Amino acid sequence: MRQSIRSKTMRVKREYISVSIYMYSTAMKPRRNGLVVVLTALLGACSTATLLTMPAGPVSDLRGTWKGTWGGAPLTLLILEQHEASPVDGVSLGSWHVLGRELPGVSGVLIFTVRGEAISVNVQGRLGDSNRRLTLVLEPVTPNGGQITLTRLGAHRLAGVGTSQMSWEPQGPVELVR
């Protein structure tokens, strides 16, 4: 018999995880209690806010310069590399990816304006299908974090929404054209 003590969803390193802690009868061995808590935390860490699946068809080349706005502020995305499927989550043993998803990805530079000053940051992104549409999830490689989720609306148009951890950084709708 188990009884849930606490269940909480929290954001850790740009991913949402759900953690549940259960209380079991004292007849169970202590090792099993620890194993149950560890497995619950590991399985909960595998869920993300934007669920992406492997794209159904071939992914067109997104490399190049994309310009537009983020929350009304000027934004430039320079996609330097686009690569085939690579691990985005799960469990790895050494260089072997055992559990989890593999998705195509991109890397590049994001340039936006904060308080009238141009800021450039490296970004890593993953490509996948979400609601049957090609979606690009970009994450700036900074301590501040943040995320931009873009859906492909045409051959040369991306649109979506961006969030930042810092209140002075851009927030809101994102529109990009190439």
N, C-alpha and C. Protein backbone atom coordinates (compact mmCIF):
# COMPACT_ATOMS: atom_id res chain seq x y z
N MET A 1 0.85 -1.18 0.00
CA MET A 1 0.00 0.00 0.00
C MET A 1 0.88 1.24 0.00
N ARG A 2 0.59 2.19 -0.89
CA ARG A 2 1.37 3.41 -0.92
C ARG A 2 0.46 4.61 -0.76
N GLN A 3 1.02 5.68 -0.25
CA GLN A 3 0.28 6.92 -0.06
C GLN A 3 1.18 8.05 -0.51
N SER A 4 0.66 8.89 -1.42
CA SER A 4 1.46 10.00 -1.94
C SER A 4 1.59 11.08 -0.88
N ILE A 5 2.84 11.47 -0.61
CA ILE A 5 3.09 12.55 0.33
C ILE A 5 3.10 13.88 -0.40
N ARG A 6 3.79 13.92 -1.54
CA ARG A 6 3.95 15.19 -2.23
C ARG A 6 4.20 14.95 -3.71
N SER A 7 3.56 15.74 -4.55
CA SER A 7 3.79 15.69 -5.98
C SER A 7 3.95 17.12 -6.47
N LYS A 8 5.02 17.40 -7.23
CA LYS A 8 5.30 18.76 -7.63
C LYS A 8 5.92 18.77 -9.01
N THR A 9 5.52 19.74 -9.83
CA THR A 9 6.14 19.95 -11.13
C THR A 9 7.00 21.20 -11.01
N MET A 10 8.27 21.09 -11.43
CA MET A 10 9.19 22.22 -11.32
C MET A 10 10.01 22.32 -12.58
N ARG A 11 10.62 23.49 -12.78
CA ARG A 11 11.48 23.72 -13.93
C ARG A 11 12.93 23.62 -13.50
N VAL A 12 13.66 22.73 -14.16
CA VAL A 12 15.07 22.52 -13.87
C VAL A 12 15.83 22.53 -15.19
N LYS A 13 16.75 23.48 -15.35
CA LYS A 13 17.57 23.59 -16.56
C LYS A 13 16.71 23.57 -17.82
N ARG A 14 15.73 24.43 -17.90
CA ARG A 14 14.88 24.62 -19.07
C ARG A 14 13.99 23.43 -19.37
N GLU A 15 13.81 22.50 -18.46
CA GLU A 15 12.93 21.37 -18.65
C GLU A 15 12.02 21.25 -17.45
N TYR A 16 10.77 20.86 -17.69
CA TYR A 16 9.83 20.66 -16.62
C TYR A 16 9.86 19.20 -16.19
N ILE A 17 9.99 18.98 -14.89
CA ILE A 17 9.97 17.62 -14.39
C ILE A 17 8.90 17.49 -13.32
N SER A 18 8.39 16.30 -13.19
CA SER A 18 7.38 16.02 -12.18
C SER A 18 7.99 15.04 -11.19
N VAL A 19 7.97 15.39 -9.93
CA VAL A 19 8.55 14.54 -8.90
C VAL A 19 7.46 14.19 -7.90
N SER A 20 7.32 12.89 -7.63
CA SER A 20 6.37 12.42 -6.62
C SER A 20 7.14 11.64 -5.58
N ILE A 21 6.86 11.90 -4.34
CA ILE A 21 7.50 11.17 -3.24
C ILE A 21 6.40 10.35 -2.57
N TYR A 22 6.65 9.06 -2.40
CA TYR A 22 5.65 8.17 -1.83
C TYR A 22 6.13 7.61 -0.50
N MET A 23 5.18 7.34 0.39
CA MET A 23 5.48 6.71 1.67
C MET A 23 4.96 5.28 1.59
N TYR A 24 5.80 4.32 1.90
CA TYR A 24 5.43 2.93 1.88
C TYR A 24 5.42 2.39 3.31
N SER A 25 4.79 1.27 3.45
CA SER A 25 4.75 0.65 4.78
C SER A 25 6.17 0.29 5.20
N THR A 26 6.40 0.21 6.50
CA THR A 26 7.75 -0.06 7.00
C THR A 26 8.16 -1.51 6.76
N ALA A 27 7.27 -2.33 6.26
CA ALA A 27 7.61 -3.72 5.98
C ALA A 27 8.52 -3.82 4.75
N MET A 28 8.56 -2.81 3.93
CA MET A 28 9.44 -2.84 2.74
C MET A 28 10.89 -2.61 3.16
N LYS A 29 11.77 -3.18 2.41
CA LYS A 29 13.19 -2.99 2.68
C LYS A 29 13.59 -1.57 2.32
N PRO A 30 14.53 -0.95 3.07
CA PRO A 30 14.96 0.42 2.78
C PRO A 30 15.51 0.60 1.37
N ARG A 31 16.18 -0.42 0.83
CA ARG A 31 16.74 -0.30 -0.52
C ARG A 31 15.65 -0.09 -1.56
N ARG A 32 14.53 -0.77 -1.38
CA ARG A 32 13.42 -0.63 -2.33
C ARG A 32 12.84 0.78 -2.28
N ASN A 33 12.74 1.35 -1.09
CA ASN A 33 12.23 2.72 -0.97
C ASN A 33 13.10 3.68 -1.76
N GLY A 34 14.40 3.57 -1.60
CA GLY A 34 15.32 4.44 -2.33
C GLY A 34 15.24 4.22 -3.83
N LEU A 35 15.11 2.96 -4.25
CA LEU A 35 15.01 2.66 -5.67
C LEU A 35 13.74 3.27 -6.27
N VAL A 36 12.63 3.19 -5.56
CA VAL A 36 11.38 3.76 -6.05
C VAL A 36 11.49 5.27 -6.21
N VAL A 37 12.10 5.96 -5.24
CA VAL A 37 12.26 7.42 -5.33
C VAL A 37 13.16 7.79 -6.49
N VAL A 38 14.27 7.07 -6.68
CA VAL A 38 15.19 7.35 -7.77
C VAL A 38 14.53 7.11 -9.12
N LEU A 39 13.81 5.99 -9.29
CA LEU A 39 13.14 5.71 -10.56
C LEU A 39 12.06 6.73 -10.87
N THR A 40 11.32 7.16 -9.86
CA THR A 40 10.28 8.17 -10.08
C THR A 40 10.90 9.48 -10.56
N ALA A 41 12.00 9.89 -9.95
CA ALA A 41 12.68 11.13 -10.36
C ALA A 41 13.24 11.01 -11.76
N LEU A 42 13.86 9.86 -12.10
CA LEU A 42 14.43 9.68 -13.43
C LEU A 42 13.36 9.68 -14.51
N LEU A 43 12.27 8.96 -14.28
CA LEU A 43 11.21 8.91 -15.29
C LEU A 43 10.52 10.25 -15.44
N GLY A 44 10.36 10.98 -14.35
CA GLY A 44 9.74 12.30 -14.42
C GLY A 44 10.62 13.30 -15.16
N ALA A 45 11.93 13.13 -15.10
CA ALA A 45 12.85 14.06 -15.77
C ALA A 45 12.82 13.91 -17.28
N CYS A 46 12.22 12.85 -17.79
CA CYS A 46 12.18 12.62 -19.23
C CYS A 46 11.09 13.41 -19.93
N SER A 47 10.19 14.06 -19.22
CA SER A 47 9.12 14.81 -19.88
C SER A 47 9.53 16.26 -20.05
N THR A 48 9.24 16.83 -21.22
CA THR A 48 9.58 18.21 -21.50
C THR A 48 8.32 19.01 -21.76
N ALA A 49 8.44 20.33 -21.70
CA ALA A 49 7.29 21.19 -21.91
C ALA A 49 6.81 21.11 -23.36
N THR A 50 7.69 21.12 -24.33
CA THR A 50 7.33 21.00 -25.74
C THR A 50 7.74 19.62 -26.19
N LEU A 51 6.75 18.75 -26.38
CA LEU A 51 7.04 17.38 -26.78
C LEU A 51 7.29 17.34 -28.28
N LEU A 52 8.49 16.96 -28.66
CA LEU A 52 8.86 16.84 -30.06
C LEU A 52 9.05 15.38 -30.40
N THR A 53 8.62 15.01 -31.59
CA THR A 53 8.85 13.67 -32.10
C THR A 53 9.72 13.79 -33.35
N MET A 54 10.30 12.69 -33.77
CA MET A 54 11.14 12.71 -34.96
C MET A 54 10.31 13.21 -36.14
N PRO A 55 10.84 14.17 -36.93
CA PRO A 55 10.09 14.69 -38.07
C PRO A 55 9.66 13.56 -39.02
N ALA A 56 8.42 13.66 -39.52
CA ALA A 56 7.86 12.62 -40.38
C ALA A 56 8.60 12.53 -41.72
N GLY A 57 8.98 13.65 -42.26
CA GLY A 57 9.67 13.67 -43.55
C GLY A 57 11.04 14.28 -43.42
N PRO A 58 11.68 14.48 -44.57
CA PRO A 58 13.00 15.11 -44.53
C PRO A 58 12.90 16.57 -44.06
N VAL A 59 13.90 17.00 -43.31
CA VAL A 59 13.93 18.37 -42.80
C VAL A 59 14.72 19.22 -43.78
N SER A 60 14.09 20.30 -44.27
CA SER A 60 14.79 21.17 -45.21
C SER A 60 15.90 21.95 -44.49
N ASP A 61 16.79 22.48 -45.27
CA ASP A 61 17.94 23.21 -44.75
C ASP A 61 17.51 24.55 -44.15
N LEU A 62 17.74 24.74 -42.86
CA LEU A 62 17.38 25.99 -42.17
C LEU A 62 18.58 26.91 -41.99
N ARG A 63 19.76 26.48 -42.42
CA ARG A 63 20.96 27.29 -42.24
C ARG A 63 20.83 28.62 -42.95
N GLY A 64 21.39 29.64 -42.34
CA GLY A 64 21.36 30.97 -42.93
C GLY A 64 20.95 32.02 -41.92
N THR A 65 20.62 33.21 -42.41
CA THR A 65 20.27 34.34 -41.55
C THR A 65 18.77 34.55 -41.56
N TRP A 66 18.19 34.59 -40.37
CA TRP A 66 16.76 34.84 -40.17
C TRP A 66 16.64 36.15 -39.41
N LYS A 67 15.78 37.06 -39.86
CA LYS A 67 15.62 38.35 -39.19
C LYS A 67 14.15 38.57 -38.85
N GLY A 68 13.92 39.28 -37.74
CA GLY A 68 12.55 39.56 -37.34
C GLY A 68 12.49 40.26 -36.00
N THR A 69 11.46 39.92 -35.21
CA THR A 69 11.26 40.56 -33.91
C THR A 69 10.97 39.51 -32.84
N TRP A 70 11.29 39.90 -31.60
CA TRP A 70 10.98 39.09 -30.42
C TRP A 70 10.36 40.05 -29.42
N GLY A 71 9.07 39.94 -29.22
CA GLY A 71 8.38 40.84 -28.31
C GLY A 71 8.48 42.28 -28.75
N GLY A 72 8.58 42.53 -30.06
CA GLY A 72 8.70 43.87 -30.59
C GLY A 72 10.13 44.36 -30.76
N ALA A 73 11.10 43.68 -30.18
CA ALA A 73 12.52 44.07 -30.29
C ALA A 73 13.17 43.36 -31.48
N PRO A 74 14.13 44.01 -32.14
CA PRO A 74 14.81 43.37 -33.27
C PRO A 74 15.51 42.07 -32.86
N LEU A 75 15.46 41.09 -33.76
CA LEU A 75 16.05 39.78 -33.49
C LEU A 75 16.68 39.24 -34.76
N THR A 76 17.88 38.68 -34.65
CA THR A 76 18.54 38.00 -35.77
C THR A 76 18.98 36.63 -35.28
N LEU A 77 18.66 35.61 -36.06
CA LEU A 77 19.09 34.25 -35.78
C LEU A 77 19.96 33.79 -36.93
N LEU A 78 21.20 33.44 -36.62
CA LEU A 78 22.13 32.93 -37.61
C LEU A 78 22.34 31.44 -37.32
N ILE A 79 21.77 30.59 -38.17
CA ILE A 79 21.93 29.14 -38.00
C ILE A 79 23.16 28.72 -38.79
N LEU A 80 24.20 28.31 -38.06
CA LEU A 80 25.49 27.97 -38.67
C LEU A 80 25.57 26.49 -39.05
N GLU A 81 25.00 25.62 -38.23
CA GLU A 81 25.08 24.18 -38.46
C GLU A 81 23.72 23.53 -38.28
N GLN A 82 23.46 22.54 -39.11
CA GLN A 82 22.27 21.71 -38.95
C GLN A 82 22.75 20.28 -39.04
N HIS A 83 22.39 19.46 -38.05
CA HIS A 83 22.92 18.10 -38.02
C HIS A 83 21.82 17.07 -37.88
N GLU A 84 22.17 15.84 -38.23
CA GLU A 84 21.24 14.72 -38.15
C GLU A 84 20.90 14.42 -36.70
N ALA A 85 20.10 13.42 -36.50
CA ALA A 85 19.62 13.06 -35.17
C ALA A 85 20.77 12.83 -34.19
N SER A 86 20.60 13.41 -33.00
CA SER A 86 21.54 13.20 -31.90
C SER A 86 20.73 13.15 -30.61
N PRO A 87 21.26 12.53 -29.56
CA PRO A 87 20.50 12.40 -28.30
C PRO A 87 20.13 13.76 -27.71
N VAL A 88 18.89 13.90 -27.28
CA VAL A 88 18.44 15.13 -26.63
C VAL A 88 18.05 14.90 -25.18
N ASP A 89 17.83 13.67 -24.80
CA ASP A 89 17.50 13.35 -23.41
C ASP A 89 17.67 11.86 -23.21
N GLY A 90 17.42 11.40 -22.01
CA GLY A 90 17.47 9.98 -21.75
C GLY A 90 18.69 9.56 -20.96
N VAL A 91 19.09 8.31 -21.18
CA VAL A 91 20.18 7.71 -20.42
C VAL A 91 21.26 7.25 -21.39
N SER A 92 22.51 7.57 -21.07
CA SER A 92 23.65 7.13 -21.88
C SER A 92 24.62 6.38 -20.99
N LEU A 93 25.19 5.34 -21.56
CA LEU A 93 26.26 4.60 -20.89
C LEU A 93 27.51 4.82 -21.73
N GLY A 94 28.38 5.69 -21.23
CA GLY A 94 29.55 6.07 -22.02
C GLY A 94 29.09 6.81 -23.26
N SER A 95 29.49 6.34 -24.43
CA SER A 95 29.08 6.98 -25.68
C SER A 95 27.84 6.34 -26.29
N TRP A 96 27.26 5.33 -25.63
CA TRP A 96 26.06 4.66 -26.13
C TRP A 96 24.81 5.29 -25.54
N HIS A 97 23.91 5.71 -26.42
CA HIS A 97 22.63 6.27 -26.00
C HIS A 97 21.67 5.11 -25.83
N VAL A 98 21.29 4.80 -24.58
CA VAL A 98 20.49 3.62 -24.27
C VAL A 98 18.99 3.93 -24.32
N LEU A 99 18.56 4.95 -23.61
CA LEU A 99 17.14 5.32 -23.55
C LEU A 99 16.98 6.79 -23.89
N GLY A 100 15.85 7.14 -24.47
CA GLY A 100 15.57 8.53 -24.76
C GLY A 100 15.37 8.79 -26.24
N ARG A 101 15.22 10.05 -26.57
CA ARG A 101 14.93 10.44 -27.94
C ARG A 101 16.16 10.99 -28.65
N GLU A 102 16.14 10.83 -29.97
CA GLU A 102 17.14 11.45 -30.82
C GLU A 102 16.40 12.33 -31.81
N LEU A 103 16.85 13.56 -31.97
CA LEU A 103 16.22 14.51 -32.88
C LEU A 103 17.28 15.26 -33.66
N PRO A 104 16.94 15.72 -34.87
CA PRO A 104 17.87 16.59 -35.59
C PRO A 104 18.05 17.89 -34.81
N GLY A 105 19.17 18.57 -35.05
CA GLY A 105 19.42 19.79 -34.29
C GLY A 105 20.09 20.87 -35.11
N VAL A 106 20.18 22.04 -34.51
CA VAL A 106 20.86 23.18 -35.13
C VAL A 106 21.71 23.85 -34.06
N SER A 107 22.68 24.64 -34.51
CA SER A 107 23.45 25.49 -33.60
C SER A 107 23.74 26.78 -34.34
N GLY A 108 23.88 27.85 -33.57
CA GLY A 108 24.13 29.13 -34.19
C GLY A 108 24.26 30.26 -33.19
N VAL A 109 23.89 31.46 -33.63
CA VAL A 109 24.02 32.66 -32.81
C VAL A 109 22.70 33.42 -32.86
N LEU A 110 22.27 33.90 -31.70
CA LEU A 110 21.06 34.69 -31.57
C LEU A 110 21.47 36.11 -31.17
N ILE A 111 20.99 37.11 -31.91
CA ILE A 111 21.34 38.51 -31.61
C ILE A 111 20.05 39.26 -31.34
N PHE A 112 19.94 39.86 -30.14
CA PHE A 112 18.75 40.61 -29.76
C PHE A 112 19.17 41.85 -29.00
N THR A 113 18.21 42.73 -28.74
CA THR A 113 18.50 44.00 -28.08
C THR A 113 17.97 43.99 -26.66
N VAL A 114 18.82 44.41 -25.72
CA VAL A 114 18.43 44.58 -24.32
C VAL A 114 18.85 45.97 -23.89
N ARG A 115 17.87 46.78 -23.49
CA ARG A 115 18.14 48.15 -23.05
C ARG A 115 18.94 48.95 -24.09
N GLY A 116 18.59 48.76 -25.36
CA GLY A 116 19.22 49.50 -26.43
C GLY A 116 20.59 48.99 -26.85
N GLU A 117 21.03 47.89 -26.28
CA GLU A 117 22.35 47.34 -26.57
C GLU A 117 22.21 45.96 -27.20
N ALA A 118 22.94 45.71 -28.30
CA ALA A 118 22.90 44.42 -28.98
C ALA A 118 23.62 43.36 -28.15
N ILE A 119 22.95 42.22 -27.98
CA ILE A 119 23.49 41.09 -27.23
C ILE A 119 23.52 39.90 -28.17
N SER A 120 24.64 39.16 -28.19
CA SER A 120 24.70 37.94 -28.99
C SER A 120 25.02 36.76 -28.08
N VAL A 121 24.31 35.66 -28.30
CA VAL A 121 24.50 34.44 -27.51
C VAL A 121 24.49 33.24 -28.44
N ASN A 122 25.24 32.22 -28.07
CA ASN A 122 25.18 30.96 -28.80
C ASN A 122 23.86 30.27 -28.48
N VAL A 123 23.32 29.57 -29.47
CA VAL A 123 22.08 28.81 -29.25
C VAL A 123 22.25 27.40 -29.77
N GLN A 124 21.58 26.49 -29.10
CA GLN A 124 21.46 25.11 -29.54
C GLN A 124 19.97 24.87 -29.74
N GLY A 125 19.63 24.11 -30.75
CA GLY A 125 18.22 23.86 -31.00
C GLY A 125 17.98 22.43 -31.42
N ARG A 126 16.73 22.01 -31.26
CA ARG A 126 16.33 20.69 -31.72
C ARG A 126 15.09 20.83 -32.59
N LEU A 127 15.04 20.01 -33.61
CA LEU A 127 13.95 20.03 -34.58
C LEU A 127 13.10 18.78 -34.42
N GLY A 128 11.80 18.96 -34.52
CA GLY A 128 10.91 17.81 -34.45
C GLY A 128 9.50 18.22 -34.82
N ASP A 129 8.63 17.24 -34.85
CA ASP A 129 7.22 17.51 -35.12
C ASP A 129 6.49 17.71 -33.80
N SER A 130 5.65 18.74 -33.76
CA SER A 130 4.76 19.00 -32.63
C SER A 130 3.42 19.37 -33.24
N ASN A 131 2.40 18.62 -32.89
CA ASN A 131 1.07 18.82 -33.48
C ASN A 131 1.13 18.76 -35.00
N ARG A 132 1.91 17.82 -35.53
CA ARG A 132 2.06 17.57 -36.97
C ARG A 132 2.69 18.72 -37.75
N ARG A 133 3.40 19.60 -37.07
CA ARG A 133 4.08 20.71 -37.73
C ARG A 133 5.54 20.71 -37.32
N LEU A 134 6.42 21.05 -38.26
CA LEU A 134 7.84 21.12 -37.96
C LEU A 134 8.08 22.25 -36.97
N THR A 135 8.72 21.93 -35.86
CA THR A 135 8.94 22.88 -34.78
C THR A 135 10.42 22.92 -34.43
N LEU A 136 10.91 24.12 -34.18
CA LEU A 136 12.30 24.34 -33.77
C LEU A 136 12.28 24.92 -32.37
N VAL A 137 12.95 24.24 -31.43
CA VAL A 137 13.06 24.73 -30.06
C VAL A 137 14.50 25.16 -29.84
N LEU A 138 14.69 26.47 -29.62
CA LEU A 138 16.03 27.05 -29.42
C LEU A 138 16.25 27.35 -27.95
N GLU A 139 17.45 27.04 -27.47
CA GLU A 139 17.81 27.34 -26.09
C GLU A 139 19.15 28.06 -26.08
N PRO A 140 19.16 29.33 -25.63
CA PRO A 140 20.43 30.06 -25.54
C PRO A 140 21.38 29.37 -24.56
N VAL A 141 22.66 29.34 -24.91
CA VAL A 141 23.68 28.73 -24.06
C VAL A 141 24.20 29.82 -23.13
N THR A 142 23.39 30.18 -22.13
CA THR A 142 23.74 31.21 -21.16
C THR A 142 23.28 30.77 -19.78
N PRO A 143 23.84 31.35 -18.73
CA PRO A 143 23.35 31.04 -17.39
C PRO A 143 21.91 31.50 -17.18
N ASN A 144 21.47 32.52 -17.94
CA ASN A 144 20.11 33.04 -17.79
C ASN A 144 19.06 32.13 -18.36
N GLY A 145 19.44 31.23 -19.26
CA GLY A 145 18.48 30.30 -19.85
C GLY A 145 17.52 30.98 -20.81
N GLY A 146 16.31 30.46 -20.88
CA GLY A 146 15.30 30.94 -21.80
C GLY A 146 15.04 29.92 -22.88
N GLN A 147 14.01 30.17 -23.67
CA GLN A 147 13.66 29.24 -24.73
C GLN A 147 12.82 29.96 -25.78
N ILE A 148 13.04 29.62 -27.03
CA ILE A 148 12.23 30.12 -28.13
C ILE A 148 11.69 28.90 -28.87
N THR A 149 10.38 28.82 -29.01
CA THR A 149 9.73 27.73 -29.73
C THR A 149 9.13 28.30 -31.00
N LEU A 150 9.60 27.80 -32.15
CA LEU A 150 9.18 28.32 -33.45
C LEU A 150 8.55 27.22 -34.30
N THR A 151 7.49 27.56 -35.01
CA THR A 151 6.85 26.65 -35.94
C THR A 151 7.09 27.16 -37.36
N ARG A 152 7.37 26.25 -38.24
CA ARG A 152 7.62 26.63 -39.63
C ARG A 152 6.29 26.91 -40.32
N LEU A 153 6.11 28.15 -40.80
CA LEU A 153 4.87 28.56 -41.45
C LEU A 153 5.00 28.58 -42.97
N GLY A 154 6.20 28.55 -43.47
CA GLY A 154 6.46 28.56 -44.90
C GLY A 154 7.92 28.29 -45.14
N ALA A 155 8.31 28.28 -46.40
CA ALA A 155 9.71 27.99 -46.74
C ALA A 155 10.67 28.99 -46.12
N HIS A 156 10.22 30.23 -45.92
CA HIS A 156 11.11 31.27 -45.40
C HIS A 156 10.48 32.02 -44.24
N ARG A 157 9.64 31.34 -43.43
CA ARG A 157 8.99 32.03 -42.32
C ARG A 157 8.84 31.10 -41.12
N LEU A 158 9.26 31.61 -39.94
CA LEU A 158 9.11 30.92 -38.66
C LEU A 158 8.38 31.86 -37.70
N ALA A 159 7.50 31.30 -36.88
CA ALA A 159 6.80 32.12 -35.89
C ALA A 159 6.57 31.29 -34.64
N GLY A 160 6.51 31.97 -33.49
CA GLY A 160 6.28 31.26 -32.24
C GLY A 160 6.34 32.21 -31.06
N VAL A 161 6.89 31.71 -29.96
CA VAL A 161 6.95 32.49 -28.73
C VAL A 161 8.29 32.24 -28.04
N GLY A 162 8.78 33.28 -27.35
CA GLY A 162 10.05 33.17 -26.63
C GLY A 162 9.89 33.60 -25.19
N THR A 163 10.62 32.94 -24.31
CA THR A 163 10.62 33.29 -22.89
C THR A 163 12.05 33.50 -22.43
N SER A 164 12.23 34.37 -21.46
CA SER A 164 13.53 34.63 -20.85
C SER A 164 13.38 34.55 -19.35
N GLN A 165 14.46 34.22 -18.67
CA GLN A 165 14.44 34.17 -17.21
C GLN A 165 14.56 35.55 -16.60
N MET A 166 15.22 36.46 -17.30
CA MET A 166 15.43 37.81 -16.77
C MET A 166 14.34 38.75 -17.30
N SER A 167 13.82 39.58 -16.42
CA SER A 167 12.70 40.46 -16.78
C SER A 167 13.09 41.51 -17.81
N TRP A 168 14.35 41.88 -17.91
CA TRP A 168 14.77 42.91 -18.85
C TRP A 168 15.04 42.34 -20.25
N GLU A 169 15.05 41.03 -20.41
CA GLU A 169 15.27 40.43 -21.72
C GLU A 169 13.93 40.31 -22.45
N PRO A 170 13.96 40.15 -23.77
CA PRO A 170 12.71 40.07 -24.54
C PRO A 170 11.82 38.91 -24.09
N GLN A 171 10.54 39.08 -24.25
CA GLN A 171 9.51 38.06 -23.95
C GLN A 171 8.45 38.16 -25.03
N GLY A 172 7.73 37.10 -25.28
CA GLY A 172 6.57 37.16 -26.13
C GLY A 172 6.73 36.61 -27.52
N PRO A 173 5.88 37.10 -28.45
CA PRO A 173 5.84 36.53 -29.79
C PRO A 173 7.12 36.76 -30.58
N VAL A 174 7.46 35.75 -31.39
CA VAL A 174 8.66 35.80 -32.24
C VAL A 174 8.23 35.58 -33.68
N GLU A 175 8.71 36.43 -34.57
CA GLU A 175 8.47 36.30 -36.02
C GLU A 175 9.80 36.43 -36.73
N LEU A 176 10.14 35.45 -37.58
CA LEU A 176 11.40 35.48 -38.32
C LEU A 176 11.16 35.16 -39.79
N VAL A 177 11.88 35.86 -40.68
CA VAL A 177 11.85 35.58 -42.11
C VAL A 177 13.28 35.50 -42.62
N ARG A 178 13.45 34.80 -43.75
CA ARG A 178 14.78 34.67 -44.33
C ARG A 178 14.74 35.18 -45.74
